[in-house]
Amino acid sequence: MAIEVASLFTKYNLSSEEELAAASFTDIQRMYLQNIIAECAEEKVRLKFDPTNPHVFLQREAELQGVILTLGSILNKATELLFELSEASKQ
């Protein structure tokens, strides 16, 4: 039986309830993701530029920035969804 393999362009239609469930991180999950962000930020600050291999520095810096931005975006989106839900329940 063939199994669908997700690609970069695979999207799923989620109901608002499913989206909320997916974005409802526990406190420990939020802390874990924040720790990864902090570790990447610390490593990025400690990176040393090697003039003989500038591409190595640039590649690692870009990779770390990508992780920081991606995880930050996920946490921000989850916070926005929870805020929207809380506002909707007040009405």
Protein backbone atom coordinates (compact mmCIF):
# COMPACT_ATOMS: atom_id res chain seq x y z
CA MET A 1 0.00 0.00 0.00
CA ALA A 2 1.37 3.41 -0.96
CA ILE A 3 1.96 5.91 1.82
CA GLU A 4 1.66 9.61 1.15
CA VAL A 5 4.97 11.30 1.76
CA ALA A 6 4.74 14.88 2.87
CA SER A 7 6.75 17.34 0.82
CA LEU A 8 7.51 21.00 1.34
CA PHE A 9 4.32 21.79 -0.55
CA THR A 10 1.96 19.40 1.24
CA LYS A 11 -0.82 21.27 3.01
CA TYR A 12 -3.65 19.96 5.15
CA ASN A 13 -7.07 21.54 5.54
CA LEU A 14 -7.65 21.79 9.27
CA SER A 15 -10.80 22.91 10.97
CA SER A 16 -10.43 25.73 13.47
CA GLU A 17 -10.79 23.16 16.27
CA GLU A 18 -8.02 21.00 14.79
CA GLU A 19 -5.79 24.04 14.31
CA LEU A 20 -6.35 25.08 17.90
CA ALA A 21 -5.60 21.57 19.16
CA ALA A 22 -2.40 21.48 17.11
CA ALA A 23 -1.26 24.86 18.45
CA SER A 24 -2.16 24.20 22.09
CA PHE A 25 1.27 23.45 23.47
CA THR A 26 1.71 22.41 27.06
CA ASP A 27 3.93 24.60 29.23
CA ILE A 28 6.72 22.02 29.04
CA GLN A 29 6.51 21.95 25.23
CA ARG A 30 6.74 25.75 25.10
CA MET A 31 9.73 25.66 27.44
CA TYR A 32 11.41 22.98 25.33
CA LEU A 33 10.98 24.98 22.11
CA GLN A 34 12.17 28.16 23.85
CA ASN A 35 15.26 26.30 25.08
CA ILE A 36 16.08 25.30 21.50
CA ILE A 37 15.68 28.94 20.41
CA ALA A 38 17.97 30.08 23.24
CA GLU A 39 20.61 27.44 22.43
CA CYS A 40 20.63 28.48 18.78
CA ALA A 41 20.84 32.17 19.71
CA GLU A 42 23.76 31.48 22.06
CA GLU A 43 25.57 29.44 19.41
CA LYS A 44 24.95 32.18 16.83
CA VAL A 45 26.53 34.78 19.13
CA ARG A 46 29.54 32.51 19.74
CA LEU A 47 30.18 31.80 16.05
CA LYS A 48 33.69 32.66 14.95
CA PHE A 49 34.32 34.02 11.49
CA ASP A 50 37.06 32.20 9.59
CA PRO A 51 38.25 34.38 6.70
CA THR A 52 39.62 31.30 4.94
CA ASN A 53 36.14 29.68 4.97
CA PRO A 54 33.57 32.48 5.07
CA HIS A 55 30.89 30.26 3.54
CA VAL A 56 31.02 27.90 6.54
CA PHE A 57 30.28 30.79 8.90
CA LEU A 58 27.52 32.18 6.70
CA GLN A 59 25.89 28.80 6.22
CA ARG A 60 25.83 28.00 9.95
CA GLU A 61 24.61 31.49 10.83
CA ALA A 62 21.79 31.18 8.30
CA GLU A 63 20.86 27.73 9.60
CA LEU A 64 20.69 28.95 13.20
CA GLN A 65 18.69 32.02 12.19
CA GLY A 66 16.26 29.76 10.33
CA VAL A 67 15.70 27.60 13.39
CA ILE A 68 15.23 30.66 15.61
CA LEU A 69 12.74 32.26 13.23
CA THR A 70 10.83 29.04 12.53
CA LEU A 71 10.36 28.04 16.15
CA GLY A 72 9.60 31.62 17.14
CA SER A 73 6.97 31.80 14.42
CA ILE A 74 5.36 28.56 15.61
CA LEU A 75 5.22 29.80 19.21
CA ASN A 76 3.86 33.19 18.12
CA LYS A 77 1.16 31.59 15.96
CA ALA A 78 0.11 29.35 18.85
CA THR A 79 -0.10 32.36 21.16
CA GLU A 80 -2.17 34.29 18.60
CA LEU A 81 -4.61 31.39 18.19
CA LEU A 82 -5.07 31.05 21.94
CA PHE A 83 -5.61 34.80 22.27
CA GLU A 84 -8.19 34.77 19.46
CA LEU A 85 -10.00 31.89 21.15
CA SER A 86 -10.00 33.67 24.46
CA GLU A 87 -11.36 36.86 22.84
CA ALA A 88 -14.05 34.91 20.96
CA SER A 89 -15.20 33.20 24.16
CA LYS A 90 -15.68 36.62 25.82
CA GLN A 91 -18.20 37.68 23.17
